[in-house]
């Protein structure tokens, strides 16, 4: 029987410019994009820390906003299922950069 090797971490990186949703005038899409922009504007305020942490342990913390959900999706893209990690000390650091 052939041995299967354990999953490995994905260290690849890339940058992509994309639309998060089609700009077709749909009211639901517009509302979601408005909420996302609002989250970004609040997060980028001078009153909050510059970077944020979301835990990979869903028993400790569920994503509180769309930005944390996206950060965890990136984390899980790079740490495949079946790969052992300590969820109590693992997670994703994230931040917002708004350009004029």
PDB file of N, CA and C in Angstrom:
ATOM      1  N   UNK A   1       0.851  -1.172   0.000  1.00  0.00           N
ATOM      2  CA  UNK A   1       0.000   0.000   0.000  1.00  0.00           C
ATOM      3  C   UNK A   1       0.901   1.240   0.000  1.00  0.00           C
ATOM      4  N   UNK A   2       0.637   2.168  -0.868  1.00  0.00           N
ATOM      5  CA  UNK A   2       1.457   3.375  -0.984  1.00  0.00           C
ATOM      6  C   UNK A   2       1.208   4.297   0.202  1.00  0.00           C
ATOM      7  N   UNK A   3       2.297   4.865   0.721  1.00  0.00           N
ATOM      8  CA  UNK A   3       2.178   5.829   1.811  1.00  0.00           C
ATOM      9  C   UNK A   3       1.813   7.194   1.237  1.00  0.00           C
ATOM     10  N   UNK A   4       0.920   7.867   1.914  1.00  0.00           N
ATOM     11  CA  UNK A   4       0.609   9.232   1.500  1.00  0.00           C
ATOM     12  C   UNK A   4       1.350  10.180   2.422  1.00  0.00           C
ATOM     13  N   UNK A   5       1.908  11.200   1.858  1.00  0.00           N
ATOM     14  CA  UNK A   5       2.633  12.161   2.677  1.00  0.00           C
ATOM     15  C   UNK A   5       1.641  13.115   3.334  1.00  0.00           C
ATOM     16  N   UNK A   6       1.988  13.599   4.530  1.00  0.00           N
ATOM     17  CA  UNK A   6       1.079  14.513   5.225  1.00  0.00           C
ATOM     18  C   UNK A   6       0.965  15.828   4.459  1.00  0.00           C
ATOM     19  N   UNK A   7      -0.136  16.538   4.641  1.00  0.00           N
ATOM     20  CA  UNK A   7      -0.280  17.815   3.949  1.00  0.00           C
ATOM     21  C   UNK A   7       0.803  18.793   4.404  1.00  0.00           C
ATOM     22  N   UNK A   8       1.144  19.692   3.536  1.00  0.00           N
ATOM     23  CA  UNK A   8       2.163  20.684   3.883  1.00  0.00           C
ATOM     24  C   UNK A   8       1.562  22.076   3.825  1.00  0.00           C
ATOM     25  N   UNK A   9       2.243  23.002   4.485  1.00  0.00           N
ATOM     26  CA  UNK A   9       1.793  24.392   4.480  1.00  0.00           C
ATOM     27  C   UNK A   9       1.996  24.988   3.101  1.00  0.00           C
ATOM     28  N   UNK A  10       1.103  25.881   2.735  1.00  0.00           N
ATOM     29  CA  UNK A  10       1.191  26.586   1.461  1.00  0.00           C
ATOM     30  C   UNK A  10       1.781  27.967   1.742  1.00  0.00           C
ATOM     31  N   UNK A  11       3.037  28.170   1.366  1.00  0.00           N
ATOM     32  CA  UNK A  11       3.712  29.446   1.593  1.00  0.00           C
ATOM     33  C   UNK A  11       3.611  30.375   0.388  1.00  0.00           C
ATOM     34  N   UNK A  12       2.852  29.993  -0.614  1.00  0.00           N
ATOM     35  CA  UNK A  12       2.759  30.846  -1.791  1.00  0.00           C
ATOM     36  C   UNK A  12       2.015  32.137  -1.446  1.00  0.00           C
ATOM     37  N   UNK A  13       2.352  33.171  -2.170  1.00  0.00           N
ATOM     38  CA  UNK A  13       1.682  34.454  -1.979  1.00  0.00           C
ATOM     39  C   UNK A  13       1.306  35.012  -3.336  1.00  0.00           C
ATOM     40  N   UNK A  14       0.340  35.876  -3.334  1.00  0.00           N
ATOM     41  CA  UNK A  14      -0.003  36.599  -4.542  1.00  0.00           C
ATOM     42  C   UNK A  14      -0.871  37.785  -4.159  1.00  0.00           C
ATOM     43  N   UNK A  15      -0.876  38.754  -5.019  1.00  0.00           N
ATOM     44  CA  UNK A  15      -1.711  39.925  -4.863  1.00  0.00           C
ATOM     45  C   UNK A  15      -2.669  39.942  -6.034  1.00  0.00           C
ATOM     46  N   UNK A  16      -3.888  40.317  -5.759  1.00  0.00           N
ATOM     47  CA  UNK A  16      -4.877  40.331  -6.826  1.00  0.00           C
ATOM     48  C   UNK A  16      -5.782  41.539  -6.651  1.00  0.00           C
ATOM     49  N   UNK A  17      -6.048  42.189  -7.730  1.00  0.00           N
ATOM     50  CA  UNK A  17      -7.048  43.257  -7.743  1.00  0.00           C
ATOM     51  C   UNK A  17      -8.330  42.622  -8.249  1.00  0.00           C
ATOM     52  N   UNK A  18      -9.369  42.726  -7.483  1.00  0.00           N
ATOM     53  CA  UNK A  18     -10.617  42.080  -7.871  1.00  0.00           C
ATOM     54  C   UNK A  18     -11.800  42.859  -7.338  1.00  0.00           C
ATOM     55  N   UNK A  19     -12.925  42.654  -7.926  1.00  0.00           N
ATOM     56  CA  UNK A  19     -14.177  43.163  -7.390  1.00  0.00           C
ATOM     57  C   UNK A  19     -14.715  42.095  -6.453  1.00  0.00           C
ATOM     58  N   UNK A  20     -15.138  42.492  -5.263  1.00  0.00           N
ATOM     59  CA  UNK A  20     -15.682  41.524  -4.312  1.00  0.00           C
ATOM     60  C   UNK A  20     -17.072  41.066  -4.714  1.00  0.00           C
ATOM     61  N   UNK A  21     -17.732  41.858  -5.506  1.00  0.00           N
ATOM     62  CA  UNK A  21     -19.082  41.511  -5.945  1.00  0.00           C
ATOM     63  C   UNK A  21     -19.335  42.192  -7.282  1.00  0.00           C
ATOM     64  N   UNK A  22     -20.207  41.629  -8.078  1.00  0.00           N
ATOM     65  CA  UNK A  22     -20.521  42.280  -9.345  1.00  0.00           C
ATOM     66  C   UNK A  22     -21.241  43.601  -9.100  1.00  0.00           C
ATOM     67  N   UNK A  23     -20.859  44.606  -9.830  1.00  0.00           N
ATOM     68  CA  UNK A  23     -21.492  45.912  -9.676  1.00  0.00           C
ATOM     69  C   UNK A  23     -22.637  46.029 -10.674  1.00  0.00           C
ATOM     70  N   UNK A  24     -23.707  45.308 -10.378  1.00  0.00           N
ATOM     71  CA  UNK A  24     -24.829  45.257 -11.308  1.00  0.00           C
ATOM     72  C   UNK A  24     -26.033  46.051 -10.823  1.00  0.00           C
ATOM     73  N   UNK A  25     -25.852  46.867  -9.790  1.00  0.00           N
ATOM     74  CA  UNK A  25     -26.954  47.676  -9.297  1.00  0.00           C
ATOM     75  C   UNK A  25     -27.882  46.946  -8.354  1.00  0.00           C
ATOM     76  N   UNK A  26     -27.565  45.707  -8.007  1.00  0.00           N
ATOM     77  CA  UNK A  26     -28.385  44.925  -7.089  1.00  0.00           C
ATOM     78  C   UNK A  26     -28.354  45.574  -5.704  1.00  0.00           C
ATOM     79  N   UNK A  27     -29.513  45.785  -5.099  1.00  0.00           N
ATOM     80  CA  UNK A  27     -29.600  46.477  -3.804  1.00  0.00           C
ATOM     81  C   UNK A  27     -28.906  45.694  -2.696  1.00  0.00           C
ATOM     82  N   UNK A  28     -29.020  44.362  -2.714  1.00  0.00           N
ATOM     83  CA  UNK A  28     -28.375  43.541  -1.678  1.00  0.00           C
ATOM     84  C   UNK A  28     -26.866  43.657  -1.781  1.00  0.00           C
ATOM     85  N   UNK A  29     -26.330  43.580  -3.000  1.00  0.00           N
ATOM     86  CA  UNK A  29     -24.890  43.704  -3.209  1.00  0.00           C
ATOM     87  C   UNK A  29     -24.410  45.078  -2.763  1.00  0.00           C
ATOM     88  N   UNK A  30     -25.127  46.110  -3.111  1.00  0.00           N
ATOM     89  CA  UNK A  30     -24.751  47.471  -2.720  1.00  0.00           C
ATOM     90  C   UNK A  30     -24.741  47.606  -1.200  1.00  0.00           C
ATOM     91  N   UNK A  31     -25.708  47.025  -0.521  1.00  0.00           N
ATOM     92  CA  UNK A  31     -25.767  47.085   0.947  1.00  0.00           C
ATOM     93  C   UNK A  31     -24.571  46.348   1.548  1.00  0.00           C
ATOM     94  N   UNK A  32     -24.229  45.176   1.010  1.00  0.00           N
ATOM     95  CA  UNK A  32     -23.084  44.418   1.527  1.00  0.00           C
ATOM     96  C   UNK A  32     -21.780  45.184   1.312  1.00  0.00           C
ATOM     97  N   UNK A  33     -21.622  45.798   0.153  1.00  0.00           N
ATOM     98  CA  UNK A  33     -20.406  46.577  -0.111  1.00  0.00           C
ATOM     99  C   UNK A  33     -20.340  47.806   0.785  1.00  0.00           C
ATOM    100  N   UNK A  34     -21.487  48.455   1.043  1.00  0.00           N
ATOM    101  CA  UNK A  34     -21.523  49.586   1.966  1.00  0.00           C
ATOM    102  C   UNK A  34     -21.099  49.156   3.369  1.00  0.00           C
ATOM    103  N   UNK A  35     -21.581  47.988   3.820  1.00  0.00           N
ATOM    104  CA  UNK A  35     -21.212  47.485   5.143  1.00  0.00           C
ATOM    105  C   UNK A  35     -19.716  47.150   5.203  1.00  0.00           C
ATOM    106  N   UNK A  36     -19.174  46.578   4.126  1.00  0.00           N
ATOM    107  CA  UNK A  36     -17.752  46.260   4.080  1.00  0.00           C
ATOM    108  C   UNK A  36     -16.921  47.539   4.130  1.00  0.00           C
ATOM    109  N   UNK A  37     -17.292  48.543   3.346  1.00  0.00           N
ATOM    110  CA  UNK A  37     -16.570  49.812   3.360  1.00  0.00           C
ATOM    111  C   UNK A  37     -16.658  50.462   4.733  1.00  0.00           C
ATOM    112  N   UNK A  38     -17.819  50.397   5.362  1.00  0.00           N
ATOM    113  CA  UNK A  38     -17.991  50.947   6.714  1.00  0.00           C
ATOM    114  C   UNK A  38     -17.063  50.243   7.700  1.00  0.00           C
ATOM    115  N   UNK A  39     -16.987  48.898   7.626  1.00  0.00           N
ATOM    116  CA  UNK A  39     -16.060  48.149   8.492  1.00  0.00           C
ATOM    117  C   UNK A  39     -14.619  48.591   8.258  1.00  0.00           C
ATOM    118  N   UNK A  40     -14.258  48.788   6.997  1.00  0.00           N
ATOM    119  CA  UNK A  40     -12.886  49.218   6.669  1.00  0.00           C
ATOM    120  C   UNK A  40     -12.599  50.610   7.226  1.00  0.00           C
ATOM    121  N   UNK A  41     -13.548  51.516   7.077  1.00  0.00           N
ATOM    122  CA  UNK A  41     -13.350  52.886   7.572  1.00  0.00           C
ATOM    123  C   UNK A  41     -13.222  52.920   9.083  1.00  0.00           C
ATOM    124  N   UNK A  42     -14.046  52.146   9.781  1.00  0.00           N
ATOM    125  CA  UNK A  42     -13.952  52.095  11.248  1.00  0.00           C
ATOM    126  C   UNK A  42     -12.620  51.478  11.662  1.00  0.00           C
ATOM    127  N   UNK A  43     -12.248  50.385  11.017  1.00  0.00           N
ATOM    128  CA  UNK A  43     -11.017  49.676  11.360  1.00  0.00           C
ATOM    129  C   UNK A  43      -9.790  50.547  11.123  1.00  0.00           C
ATOM    130  N   UNK A  44      -9.838  51.416  10.127  1.00  0.00           N
ATOM    131  CA  UNK A  44      -8.700  52.260   9.782  1.00  0.00           C
ATOM    132  C   UNK A  44      -8.665  53.561  10.587  1.00  0.00           C
ATOM    133  N   UNK A  45      -9.546  53.706  11.572  1.00  0.00           N
ATOM    134  CA  UNK A  45      -9.562  54.937  12.365  1.00  0.00           C
ATOM    135  C   UNK A  45      -8.347  54.982  13.293  1.00  0.00           C
ATOM    136  N   UNK A  46      -7.955  56.160  13.678  1.00  0.00           N
ATOM    137  CA  UNK A  46      -6.810  56.337  14.566  1.00  0.00           C
ATOM    138  C   UNK A  46      -7.075  55.906  15.996  1.00  0.00           C
ATOM    139  N   UNK A  47      -8.305  55.573  16.327  1.00  0.00           N
ATOM    140  CA  UNK A  47      -8.654  55.196  17.697  1.00  0.00           C
ATOM    141  C   UNK A  47      -8.449  53.712  17.985  1.00  0.00           C
ATOM    142  N   UNK A  48      -8.247  52.929  16.934  1.00  0.00           N
ATOM    143  CA  UNK A  48      -8.092  51.485  17.091  1.00  0.00           C
ATOM    144  C   UNK A  48      -6.653  51.071  16.806  1.00  0.00           C
ATOM    145  N   UNK A  49      -6.273  49.861  17.217  1.00  0.00           N
ATOM    146  CA  UNK A  49      -4.919  49.389  16.893  1.00  0.00           C
ATOM    147  C   UNK A  49      -4.728  49.333  15.378  1.00  0.00           C
ATOM    148  N   UNK A  50      -3.500  49.311  14.934  1.00  0.00           N
ATOM    149  CA  UNK A  50      -3.212  49.284  13.496  1.00  0.00           C
ATOM    150  C   UNK A  50      -3.393  47.888  12.901  1.00  0.00           C
ATOM    151  N   UNK A  51      -3.172  46.838  13.707  1.00  0.00           N
ATOM    152  CA  UNK A  51      -3.382  45.479  13.228  1.00  0.00           C
ATOM    153  C   UNK A  51      -4.285  44.743  14.206  1.00  0.00           C
ATOM    154  N   UNK A  52      -4.884  43.671  13.716  1.00  0.00           N
ATOM    155  CA  UNK A  52      -5.845  42.910  14.508  1.00  0.00           C
ATOM    156  C   UNK A  52      -5.506  41.428  14.410  1.00  0.00           C
ATOM    157  N   UNK A  53      -6.012  40.643  15.355  1.00  0.00           N
ATOM    158  CA  UNK A  53      -5.767  39.212  15.410  1.00  0.00           C
ATOM    159  C   UNK A  53      -7.098  38.495  15.520  1.00  0.00           C
ATOM    160  N   UNK A  54      -7.268  37.458  14.727  1.00  0.00           N
ATOM    161  CA  UNK A  54      -8.434  36.591  14.853  1.00  0.00           C
ATOM    162  C   UNK A  54      -7.916  35.175  15.094  1.00  0.00           C
ATOM    163  N   UNK A  55      -8.435  34.539  16.132  1.00  0.00           N
ATOM    164  CA  UNK A  55      -7.998  33.208  16.525  1.00  0.00           C
ATOM    165  C   UNK A  55      -8.562  32.151  15.588  1.00  0.00           C
ATOM    166  N   UNK A  56      -7.763  31.119  15.342  1.00  0.00           N
ATOM    167  CA  UNK A  56      -8.231  29.986  14.544  1.00  0.00           C
ATOM    168  C   UNK A  56      -9.135  29.074  15.376  1.00  0.00           C
ATOM    169  N   UNK A  57      -9.178  29.289  16.685  1.00  0.00           N
ATOM    170  CA  UNK A  57      -9.997  28.471  17.576  1.00  0.00           C
ATOM    171  C   UNK A  57     -11.404  29.052  17.637  1.00  0.00           C
ATOM    172  N   UNK A  58     -12.343  28.416  16.950  1.00  0.00           N
ATOM    173  CA  UNK A  58     -13.702  28.937  16.908  1.00  0.00           C
ATOM    174  C   UNK A  58     -14.422  28.804  18.248  1.00  0.00           C
ATOM    175  N   UNK A  59     -13.871  27.997  19.186  1.00  0.00           N
ATOM    176  CA  UNK A  59     -14.465  27.922  20.525  1.00  0.00           C
ATOM    177  C   UNK A  59     -14.168  29.188  21.315  1.00  0.00           C
ATOM    178  N   UNK A  60     -13.055  29.842  20.995  1.00  0.00           N
ATOM    179  CA  UNK A  60     -12.652  31.077  21.685  1.00  0.00           C
ATOM    180  C   UNK A  60     -13.295  32.294  21.035  1.00  0.00           C
ATOM    181  N   UNK A  61     -13.276  32.335  19.709  1.00  0.00           N
ATOM    182  CA  UNK A  61     -13.724  33.536  19.012  1.00  0.00           C
ATOM    183  C   UNK A  61     -14.285  33.194  17.641  1.00  0.00           C
ATOM    184  N   UNK A  62     -15.483  33.656  17.383  1.00  0.00           N
ATOM    185  CA  UNK A  62     -16.074  33.590  16.051  1.00  0.00           C
ATOM    186  C   UNK A  62     -15.733  34.894  15.341  1.00  0.00           C
ATOM    187  N   UNK A  63     -15.624  34.894  14.020  1.00  0.00           N
ATOM    188  CA  UNK A  63     -15.375  36.154  13.314  1.00  0.00           C
ATOM    189  C   UNK A  63     -16.458  37.179  13.653  1.00  0.00           C
ATOM    190  N   UNK A  64     -16.018  38.391  13.996  1.00  0.00           N
ATOM    191  CA  UNK A  64     -16.956  39.441  14.390  1.00  0.00           C
ATOM    192  C   UNK A  64     -17.414  40.298  13.224  1.00  0.00           C
ATOM    193  N   UNK A  65     -16.715  40.205  12.110  1.00  0.00           N
ATOM    194  CA  UNK A  65     -17.089  41.002  10.944  1.00  0.00           C
ATOM    195  C   UNK A  65     -16.586  40.291   9.689  1.00  0.00           C
ATOM    196  N   UNK A  66     -16.959  40.838   8.538  1.00  0.00           N
ATOM    197  CA  UNK A  66     -16.566  40.246   7.269  1.00  0.00           C
ATOM    198  C   UNK A  66     -15.050  40.236   7.110  1.00  0.00           C
ATOM    199  N   UNK A  67     -14.364  41.245   7.637  1.00  0.00           N
ATOM    200  CA  UNK A  67     -12.903  41.318   7.515  1.00  0.00           C
ATOM    201  C   UNK A  67     -12.230  40.164   8.255  1.00  0.00           C
ATOM    202  N   UNK A  68     -12.729  39.832   9.452  1.00  0.00           N
ATOM    203  CA  UNK A  68     -12.174  38.692  10.183  1.00  0.00           C
ATOM    204  C   UNK A  68     -12.489  37.379   9.471  1.00  0.00           C
ATOM    205  N   UNK A  69     -13.666  37.280   8.893  1.00  0.00           N
ATOM    206  CA  UNK A  69     -14.026  36.070   8.137  1.00  0.00           C
ATOM    207  C   UNK A  69     -13.068  35.888   6.956  1.00  0.00           C
ATOM    208  N   UNK A  70     -12.767  36.970   6.244  1.00  0.00           N
ATOM    209  CA  UNK A  70     -11.832  36.877   5.120  1.00  0.00           C
ATOM    210  C   UNK A  70     -10.442  36.483   5.597  1.00  0.00           C
ATOM    211  N   UNK A  71      -9.990  37.037   6.737  1.00  0.00           N
ATOM    212  CA  UNK A  71      -8.667  36.701   7.264  1.00  0.00           C
ATOM    213  C   UNK A  71      -8.584  35.207   7.595  1.00  0.00           C
ATOM    214  N   UNK A  72      -9.642  34.652   8.174  1.00  0.00           N
ATOM    215  CA  UNK A  72      -9.644  33.224   8.480  1.00  0.00           C
ATOM    216  C   UNK A  72      -9.696  32.368   7.213  1.00  0.00           C
ATOM    217  N   UNK A  73     -10.375  32.848   6.193  1.00  0.00           N
ATOM    218  CA  UNK A  73     -10.392  32.108   4.922  1.00  0.00           C
ATOM    219  C   UNK A  73      -8.990  32.044   4.321  1.00  0.00           C
ATOM    220  N   UNK A  74      -8.231  33.136   4.430  1.00  0.00           N
ATOM    221  CA  UNK A  74      -6.844  33.134   3.948  1.00  0.00           C
ATOM    222  C   UNK A  74      -6.013  32.173   4.793  1.00  0.00           C
ATOM    223  N   UNK A  75      -6.207  32.202   6.115  1.00  0.00           N
ATOM    224  CA  UNK A  75      -5.486  31.286   7.008  1.00  0.00           C
ATOM    225  C   UNK A  75      -5.731  29.833   6.578  1.00  0.00           C
ATOM    226  N   UNK A  76      -6.997  29.477   6.375  1.00  0.00           N
ATOM    227  CA  UNK A  76      -7.331  28.095   6.025  1.00  0.00           C
ATOM    228  C   UNK A  76      -6.898  27.732   4.602  1.00  0.00           C
ATOM    229  N   UNK A  77      -6.701  28.718   3.747  1.00  0.00           N
ATOM    230  CA  UNK A  77      -6.147  28.454   2.414  1.00  0.00           C
ATOM    231  C   UNK A  77      -4.691  27.999   2.530  1.00  0.00           C
ATOM    232  N   UNK A  78      -3.958  28.611   3.464  1.00  0.00           N
ATOM    233  CA  UNK A  78      -2.537  28.300   3.618  1.00  0.00           C
ATOM    234  C   UNK A  78      -2.284  27.130   4.563  1.00  0.00           C
ATOM    235  N   UNK A  79      -3.239  26.814   5.421  1.00  0.00           N
ATOM    236  CA  UNK A  79      -3.108  25.687   6.353  1.00  0.00           C
ATOM    237  C   UNK A  79      -4.206  24.688   5.988  1.00  0.00           C
ATOM    238  N   UNK A  80      -3.869  23.682   5.204  1.00  0.00           N
ATOM    239  CA  UNK A  80      -4.893  22.774   4.685  1.00  0.00           C
ATOM    240  C   UNK A  80      -5.506  21.897   5.774  1.00  0.00           C
ATOM    241  N   UNK A  81      -6.702  21.399   5.498  1.00  0.00           N
ATOM    242  CA  UNK A  81      -7.319  20.482   6.451  1.00  0.00           C
ATOM    243  C   UNK A  81      -6.441  19.235   6.558  1.00  0.00           C
ATOM    244  N   UNK A  82      -6.361  18.670   7.724  1.00  0.00           N
ATOM    245  CA  UNK A  82      -5.499  17.515   7.950  1.00  0.00           C
ATOM    246  C   UNK A  82      -4.112  17.898   8.431  1.00  0.00           C
ATOM    247  N   UNK A  83      -3.765  19.182   8.348  1.00  0.00           N
ATOM    248  CA  UNK A  83      -2.467  19.646   8.842  1.00  0.00           C
ATOM    249  C   UNK A  83      -2.631  19.988  10.311  1.00  0.00           C
ATOM    250  N   UNK A  84      -1.761  19.453  11.158  1.00  0.00           N
ATOM    251  CA  UNK A  84      -1.897  19.725  12.584  1.00  0.00           C
ATOM    252  C   UNK A  84      -1.366  21.114  12.917  1.00  0.00           C
ATOM    253  N   UNK A  85      -2.142  21.849  13.667  1.00  0.00           N
ATOM    254  CA  UNK A  85      -1.709  23.132  14.229  1.00  0.00           C
ATOM    255  C   UNK A  85      -2.445  23.316  15.545  1.00  0.00           C
ATOM    256  N   UNK A  86      -1.891  24.135  16.403  1.00  0.00           N
ATOM    257  CA  UNK A  86      -2.517  24.402  17.696  1.00  0.00           C
ATOM    258  C   UNK A  86      -3.487  25.564  17.528  1.00  0.00           C
ATOM    259  N   UNK A  87      -4.785  25.314  17.532  1.00  0.00           N
ATOM    260  CA  UNK A  87      -5.746  26.396  17.300  1.00  0.00           C
ATOM    261  C   UNK A  87      -5.741  27.448  18.409  1.00  0.00           C
ATOM    262  N   UNK A  88      -5.214  27.099  19.577  1.00  0.00           N
ATOM    263  CA  UNK A  88      -5.167  28.076  20.677  1.00  0.00           C
ATOM    264  C   UNK A  88      -4.106  29.144  20.460  1.00  0.00           C
ATOM    265  N   UNK A  89      -3.091  28.842  19.662  1.00  0.00           N
ATOM    266  CA  UNK A  89      -2.031  29.818  19.419  1.00  0.00           C
ATOM    267  C   UNK A  89      -1.941  30.203  17.942  1.00  0.00           C
ATOM    268  N   UNK A  90      -2.856  29.714  17.129  1.00  0.00           N
ATOM    269  CA  UNK A  90      -2.826  29.994  15.692  1.00  0.00           C
ATOM    270  C   UNK A  90      -3.979  30.907  15.316  1.00  0.00           C
ATOM    271  N   UNK A  91      -3.791  31.609  14.225  1.00  0.00           N
ATOM    272  CA  UNK A  91      -4.821  32.501  13.726  1.00  0.00           C
ATOM    273  C   UNK A  91      -4.258  33.381  12.638  1.00  0.00           C
ATOM    274  N   UNK A  92      -4.889  34.512  12.441  1.00  0.00           N
ATOM    275  CA  UNK A  92      -4.477  35.419  11.369  1.00  0.00           C
ATOM    276  C   UNK A  92      -4.397  36.849  11.869  1.00  0.00           C
ATOM    277  N   UNK A  93      -3.307  37.507  11.537  1.00  0.00           N
ATOM    278  CA  UNK A  93      -3.186  38.943  11.774  1.00  0.00           C
ATOM    279  C   UNK A  93      -3.687  39.637  10.513  1.00  0.00           C
ATOM    280  N   UNK A  94      -4.465  40.681  10.685  1.00  0.00           N
ATOM    281  CA  UNK A  94      -5.009  41.386   9.529  1.00  0.00           C
ATOM    282  C   UNK A  94      -5.055  42.876   9.794  1.00  0.00           C
ATOM    283  N   UNK A  95      -5.145  43.631   8.714  1.00  0.00           N
ATOM    284  CA  UNK A  95      -5.210  45.086   8.817  1.00  0.00           C
ATOM    285  C   UNK A  95      -5.913  45.624   7.581  1.00  0.00           C
ATOM    286  N   UNK A  96      -6.221  46.895   7.648  1.00  0.00           N
ATOM    287  CA  UNK A  96      -6.900  47.577   6.531  1.00  0.00           C
ATOM    288  C   UNK A  96      -5.995  48.696   6.050  1.00  0.00           C
ATOM    289  N   UNK A  97      -5.906  48.823   4.745  1.00  0.00           N
ATOM    290  CA  UNK A  97      -5.191  49.947   4.141  1.00  0.00           C
ATOM    291  C   UNK A  97      -6.132  50.579   3.137  1.00  0.00           C
ATOM    292  N   UNK A  98      -6.577  51.782   3.437  1.00  0.00           N
ATOM    293  CA  UNK A  98      -7.469  52.489   2.535  1.00  0.00           C
ATOM    294  C   UNK A  98      -6.645  53.489   1.737  1.00  0.00           C
ATOM    295  N   UNK A  99      -6.743  53.386   0.439  1.00  0.00           N
ATOM    296  CA  UNK A  99      -6.025  54.316  -0.441  1.00  0.00           C
ATOM    297  C   UNK A  99      -7.032  55.263  -1.068  1.00  0.00           C
ATOM    298  N   UNK A 100      -6.664  56.527  -1.152  1.00  0.00           N
ATOM    299  CA  UNK A 100      -7.600  57.504  -1.765  1.00  0.00           C
ATOM    300  C   UNK A 100      -7.756  57.270  -3.251  1.00  0.00           C
TER     301      UNK A 100
END
